[in-house]
């Protein structure tokens, strides 16, 4: 999985197609990501302690990593990811412009 926490991504399919957001959580084992402001569900929550309010809250739910694409900081568009070795380190690069991500 080429997407990591704090990456900026664009959604490719579904009800939130075209939306951009920051990755809050990346789950490589489940191949899912949670993106800020995308796939938002309403949740009815009870108060956990005395004096705390319950109510309806909005929470981002996971989506498959294959449904999002990384946004290149140089191009500003969604792009595929390539890899390049520099000084023994593996770097992610943009397939469109070749910029390091």
N, C-alpha and C. Protein backbone atom coordinates (compact mmCIF):
# COMPACT_ATOMS: atom_id res chain seq x y z
N UNK A 1 0.85 -1.18 0.00
CA UNK A 1 0.00 0.00 0.00
C UNK A 1 0.90 1.24 0.00
N UNK A 2 0.71 2.13 -0.96
CA UNK A 2 1.58 3.29 -1.13
C UNK A 2 1.09 4.53 -0.40
N UNK A 3 -0.05 4.44 0.26
CA UNK A 3 -0.62 5.62 0.93
C UNK A 3 -0.31 5.54 2.41
N UNK A 4 0.16 6.68 2.95
CA UNK A 4 0.54 6.74 4.35
C UNK A 4 -0.22 7.84 5.06
N UNK A 5 -0.10 7.87 6.38
CA UNK A 5 -0.76 8.89 7.19
C UNK A 5 -0.26 10.27 6.78
N UNK A 6 -1.15 11.25 6.79
CA UNK A 6 -0.89 12.67 6.47
C UNK A 6 -0.68 12.93 4.98
N UNK A 7 -0.90 11.94 4.11
CA UNK A 7 -0.86 12.17 2.67
C UNK A 7 -2.15 12.85 2.23
N UNK A 8 -2.07 13.66 1.19
CA UNK A 8 -3.26 14.27 0.60
C UNK A 8 -3.71 13.38 -0.54
N UNK A 9 -5.00 12.97 -0.52
CA UNK A 9 -5.51 12.05 -1.52
C UNK A 9 -6.80 12.58 -2.14
N UNK A 10 -7.16 12.03 -3.30
CA UNK A 10 -8.42 12.34 -3.97
C UNK A 10 -9.19 11.02 -4.11
N UNK A 11 -10.51 11.08 -3.92
CA UNK A 11 -11.36 9.89 -3.99
C UNK A 11 -11.73 9.64 -5.45
N UNK A 12 -11.58 8.39 -5.90
CA UNK A 12 -11.81 8.04 -7.30
C UNK A 12 -13.22 7.55 -7.58
N UNK A 13 -13.89 6.95 -6.60
CA UNK A 13 -15.22 6.41 -6.86
C UNK A 13 -16.08 6.48 -5.61
N UNK A 14 -17.39 6.31 -5.81
CA UNK A 14 -18.33 6.33 -4.70
C UNK A 14 -19.04 7.65 -4.57
N UNK A 15 -19.77 7.81 -3.47
CA UNK A 15 -20.58 9.01 -3.28
C UNK A 15 -19.73 10.27 -3.07
N UNK A 16 -18.48 10.11 -2.65
CA UNK A 16 -17.59 11.24 -2.40
C UNK A 16 -16.56 11.41 -3.51
N UNK A 17 -16.87 10.95 -4.72
CA UNK A 17 -15.94 11.01 -5.84
C UNK A 17 -15.49 12.46 -6.09
N UNK A 18 -14.18 12.65 -6.24
CA UNK A 18 -13.63 13.98 -6.52
C UNK A 18 -13.21 14.76 -5.29
N UNK A 19 -13.65 14.34 -4.10
CA UNK A 19 -13.27 15.06 -2.88
C UNK A 19 -11.81 14.79 -2.53
N UNK A 20 -11.17 15.81 -1.97
CA UNK A 20 -9.79 15.67 -1.52
C UNK A 20 -9.75 15.80 -0.01
N UNK A 21 -8.81 15.12 0.60
CA UNK A 21 -8.66 15.20 2.04
C UNK A 21 -7.36 14.58 2.49
N UNK A 22 -7.07 14.77 3.78
CA UNK A 22 -5.85 14.25 4.38
C UNK A 22 -6.14 12.89 4.99
N UNK A 23 -5.20 11.96 4.86
CA UNK A 23 -5.35 10.63 5.44
C UNK A 23 -5.11 10.72 6.93
N UNK A 24 -6.12 10.32 7.72
CA UNK A 24 -6.01 10.36 9.17
C UNK A 24 -5.41 9.06 9.71
N UNK A 25 -5.86 7.93 9.15
CA UNK A 25 -5.39 6.61 9.58
C UNK A 25 -5.18 5.76 8.34
N UNK A 26 -4.05 5.05 8.27
CA UNK A 26 -3.79 4.10 7.20
C UNK A 26 -3.66 2.71 7.81
N UNK A 27 -4.44 1.75 7.30
CA UNK A 27 -4.42 0.38 7.80
C UNK A 27 -3.91 -0.54 6.70
N UNK A 28 -2.60 -0.80 6.64
CA UNK A 28 -2.06 -1.61 5.55
C UNK A 28 -2.51 -3.06 5.60
N UNK A 29 -2.80 -3.58 6.77
CA UNK A 29 -3.24 -4.98 6.89
C UNK A 29 -4.63 -5.16 6.29
N UNK A 30 -5.53 -4.22 6.56
CA UNK A 30 -6.89 -4.28 6.02
C UNK A 30 -7.04 -3.58 4.68
N UNK A 31 -5.96 -2.94 4.19
CA UNK A 31 -5.96 -2.19 2.93
C UNK A 31 -7.02 -1.09 2.92
N UNK A 32 -7.18 -0.41 4.05
CA UNK A 32 -8.17 0.66 4.17
C UNK A 32 -7.52 1.93 4.71
N UNK A 33 -8.15 3.06 4.43
CA UNK A 33 -7.70 4.35 4.93
C UNK A 33 -8.92 5.13 5.43
N UNK A 34 -8.68 6.03 6.37
CA UNK A 34 -9.71 6.96 6.82
C UNK A 34 -9.27 8.34 6.37
N UNK A 35 -10.12 9.00 5.56
CA UNK A 35 -9.80 10.29 4.98
C UNK A 35 -10.69 11.35 5.62
N UNK A 36 -10.09 12.50 5.93
CA UNK A 36 -10.78 13.60 6.59
C UNK A 36 -11.91 14.13 5.69
N UNK A 37 -13.14 14.13 6.19
CA UNK A 37 -14.28 14.68 5.47
C UNK A 37 -14.87 13.78 4.39
N UNK A 38 -14.42 12.54 4.32
CA UNK A 38 -14.89 11.61 3.30
C UNK A 38 -15.54 10.40 3.96
N UNK A 39 -16.64 9.91 3.37
CA UNK A 39 -17.37 8.73 3.87
C UNK A 39 -17.81 8.95 5.32
N UNK A 40 -18.49 10.06 5.56
CA UNK A 40 -18.92 10.44 6.90
C UNK A 40 -20.25 9.77 7.22
N UNK A 41 -20.31 9.14 8.40
CA UNK A 41 -21.52 8.48 8.86
C UNK A 41 -21.98 9.15 10.15
N UNK A 42 -23.28 9.07 10.43
CA UNK A 42 -23.80 9.59 11.69
C UNK A 42 -23.87 8.45 12.69
N UNK A 43 -23.53 8.75 13.92
CA UNK A 43 -23.47 7.73 14.96
C UNK A 43 -24.22 8.25 16.18
N UNK A 44 -25.09 7.43 16.73
CA UNK A 44 -25.82 7.78 17.94
C UNK A 44 -24.98 7.33 19.13
N UNK A 45 -24.58 8.30 19.95
CA UNK A 45 -23.68 7.99 21.05
C UNK A 45 -24.32 8.32 22.38
N UNK A 46 -24.22 7.36 23.31
CA UNK A 46 -24.72 7.57 24.66
C UNK A 46 -23.67 8.35 25.45
N UNK A 47 -24.09 9.07 26.49
CA UNK A 47 -23.10 9.72 27.35
C UNK A 47 -22.26 8.65 28.07
N UNK A 48 -20.96 8.84 28.12
CA UNK A 48 -20.07 7.85 28.73
C UNK A 48 -19.94 8.06 30.24
N UNK A 49 -19.99 9.31 30.67
CA UNK A 49 -19.86 9.62 32.10
C UNK A 49 -21.02 10.52 32.51
N UNK A 50 -21.21 10.62 33.80
CA UNK A 50 -22.24 11.49 34.31
C UNK A 50 -21.87 12.94 34.03
N UNK A 51 -22.80 13.70 33.49
CA UNK A 51 -22.55 15.10 33.15
C UNK A 51 -22.12 15.29 31.70
N UNK A 52 -21.76 14.21 31.02
CA UNK A 52 -21.39 14.31 29.62
C UNK A 52 -22.63 14.17 28.74
N UNK A 53 -22.66 14.90 27.63
CA UNK A 53 -23.81 14.85 26.74
C UNK A 53 -23.66 13.72 25.73
N UNK A 54 -24.77 13.09 25.42
CA UNK A 54 -24.82 12.13 24.32
C UNK A 54 -25.37 12.86 23.11
N UNK A 55 -25.63 12.14 22.06
CA UNK A 55 -26.21 12.77 20.89
C UNK A 55 -25.78 12.10 19.61
N UNK A 56 -26.07 12.78 18.51
CA UNK A 56 -25.71 12.27 17.19
C UNK A 56 -24.43 12.96 16.75
N UNK A 57 -23.41 12.15 16.48
CA UNK A 57 -22.12 12.71 16.06
C UNK A 57 -21.80 12.20 14.66
N UNK A 58 -20.93 12.92 13.97
CA UNK A 58 -20.49 12.51 12.64
C UNK A 58 -19.07 11.94 12.77
N UNK A 59 -18.84 10.80 12.12
CA UNK A 59 -17.55 10.13 12.20
C UNK A 59 -17.14 9.63 10.81
N UNK A 60 -15.85 9.78 10.48
CA UNK A 60 -15.34 9.27 9.20
C UNK A 60 -15.14 7.76 9.32
N UNK A 61 -15.58 7.04 8.30
CA UNK A 61 -15.44 5.59 8.30
C UNK A 61 -14.42 5.18 7.23
N UNK A 62 -13.82 4.00 7.37
CA UNK A 62 -12.76 3.59 6.43
C UNK A 62 -13.28 3.33 5.02
N UNK A 63 -12.42 3.58 4.04
CA UNK A 63 -12.69 3.20 2.65
C UNK A 63 -11.47 2.45 2.13
N UNK A 64 -11.66 1.68 1.08
CA UNK A 64 -10.55 0.91 0.52
C UNK A 64 -9.50 1.84 -0.07
N UNK A 65 -8.25 1.49 0.13
CA UNK A 65 -7.14 2.30 -0.36
C UNK A 65 -7.11 2.35 -1.88
N UNK A 66 -7.69 1.36 -2.55
CA UNK A 66 -7.73 1.34 -4.00
C UNK A 66 -8.67 2.40 -4.56
N UNK A 67 -9.55 2.94 -3.73
CA UNK A 67 -10.51 3.95 -4.18
C UNK A 67 -9.97 5.37 -4.03
N UNK A 68 -8.75 5.51 -3.55
CA UNK A 68 -8.14 6.84 -3.42
C UNK A 68 -6.82 6.87 -4.18
N UNK A 69 -6.42 8.08 -4.57
CA UNK A 69 -5.18 8.25 -5.31
C UNK A 69 -4.44 9.43 -4.70
N UNK A 70 -3.15 9.27 -4.55
CA UNK A 70 -2.31 10.30 -3.95
C UNK A 70 -2.26 11.54 -4.82
N UNK A 71 -2.31 12.72 -4.22
CA UNK A 71 -2.20 13.99 -4.93
C UNK A 71 -0.75 14.45 -4.87
N UNK A 72 -0.16 14.68 -6.03
CA UNK A 72 1.24 15.12 -6.12
C UNK A 72 1.33 16.58 -5.66
N UNK A 73 2.27 16.90 -4.77
CA UNK A 73 2.41 18.29 -4.32
C UNK A 73 2.86 19.25 -5.43
N UNK A 74 3.57 18.74 -6.43
CA UNK A 74 4.05 19.59 -7.51
C UNK A 74 2.98 19.77 -8.58
N UNK A 75 2.37 18.67 -9.07
CA UNK A 75 1.34 18.73 -10.12
C UNK A 75 0.01 19.26 -9.58
N UNK A 76 -0.34 18.82 -8.35
CA UNK A 76 -1.65 19.17 -7.79
C UNK A 76 -2.76 18.27 -8.28
N UNK A 77 -2.41 17.17 -8.94
CA UNK A 77 -3.40 16.23 -9.47
C UNK A 77 -3.18 14.85 -8.86
N UNK A 78 -4.21 14.01 -8.97
CA UNK A 78 -4.08 12.63 -8.52
C UNK A 78 -3.13 11.89 -9.43
N UNK A 79 -2.27 11.08 -8.85
CA UNK A 79 -1.26 10.38 -9.64
C UNK A 79 -0.97 9.00 -9.07
N UNK A 80 -0.42 8.15 -9.93
CA UNK A 80 0.07 6.86 -9.47
C UNK A 80 1.45 7.07 -8.86
N UNK A 81 1.91 6.07 -8.12
CA UNK A 81 3.17 6.18 -7.39
C UNK A 81 4.20 5.24 -7.99
N UNK A 82 5.40 5.76 -8.19
CA UNK A 82 6.54 4.94 -8.58
C UNK A 82 7.56 4.98 -7.45
N UNK A 83 8.57 4.14 -7.54
CA UNK A 83 9.60 4.10 -6.51
C UNK A 83 10.97 4.31 -7.14
N UNK A 84 11.84 4.98 -6.38
CA UNK A 84 13.19 5.26 -6.85
C UNK A 84 14.13 5.12 -5.66
N UNK A 85 15.30 4.55 -5.90
CA UNK A 85 16.29 4.41 -4.84
C UNK A 85 17.32 5.53 -4.94
N UNK A 86 17.50 6.27 -3.84
CA UNK A 86 18.49 7.33 -3.77
C UNK A 86 19.30 7.13 -2.48
N UNK A 87 20.60 6.93 -2.62
CA UNK A 87 21.50 6.70 -1.48
C UNK A 87 21.01 5.56 -0.59
N UNK A 88 20.51 4.50 -1.18
CA UNK A 88 20.05 3.34 -0.42
C UNK A 88 18.68 3.50 0.21
N UNK A 89 18.00 4.62 -0.02
CA UNK A 89 16.66 4.83 0.52
C UNK A 89 15.64 4.72 -0.61
N UNK A 90 14.52 4.12 -0.31
CA UNK A 90 13.45 3.97 -1.29
C UNK A 90 12.51 5.17 -1.17
N UNK A 91 12.36 5.94 -2.24
CA UNK A 91 11.51 7.13 -2.24
C UNK A 91 10.31 6.92 -3.14
N UNK A 92 9.22 7.58 -2.80
CA UNK A 92 8.03 7.57 -3.65
C UNK A 92 8.13 8.73 -4.63
N UNK A 93 7.81 8.47 -5.90
CA UNK A 93 7.86 9.52 -6.92
C UNK A 93 6.55 9.53 -7.70
N UNK A 94 6.21 10.72 -8.23
CA UNK A 94 5.03 10.92 -9.05
C UNK A 94 5.27 10.31 -10.44
N UNK A 95 4.32 9.54 -10.95
CA UNK A 95 4.46 8.94 -12.27
C UNK A 95 4.27 9.97 -13.38
N UNK A 96 3.58 11.09 -13.10
CA UNK A 96 3.32 12.11 -14.12
C UNK A 96 4.50 13.04 -14.32
N UNK A 97 5.01 13.59 -13.20
CA UNK A 97 6.07 14.61 -13.33
C UNK A 97 7.42 14.16 -12.79
N UNK A 98 7.46 13.06 -12.05
CA UNK A 98 8.73 12.57 -11.53
C UNK A 98 9.18 13.22 -10.24
N UNK A 99 8.34 14.06 -9.64
CA UNK A 99 8.69 14.73 -8.38
C UNK A 99 8.66 13.76 -7.21
N UNK A 100 9.54 13.98 -6.24
CA UNK A 100 9.55 13.15 -5.04
C UNK A 100 8.38 13.53 -4.14
N UNK A 101 7.80 12.52 -3.52
CA UNK A 101 6.64 12.76 -2.64
C UNK A 101 7.05 12.50 -1.22
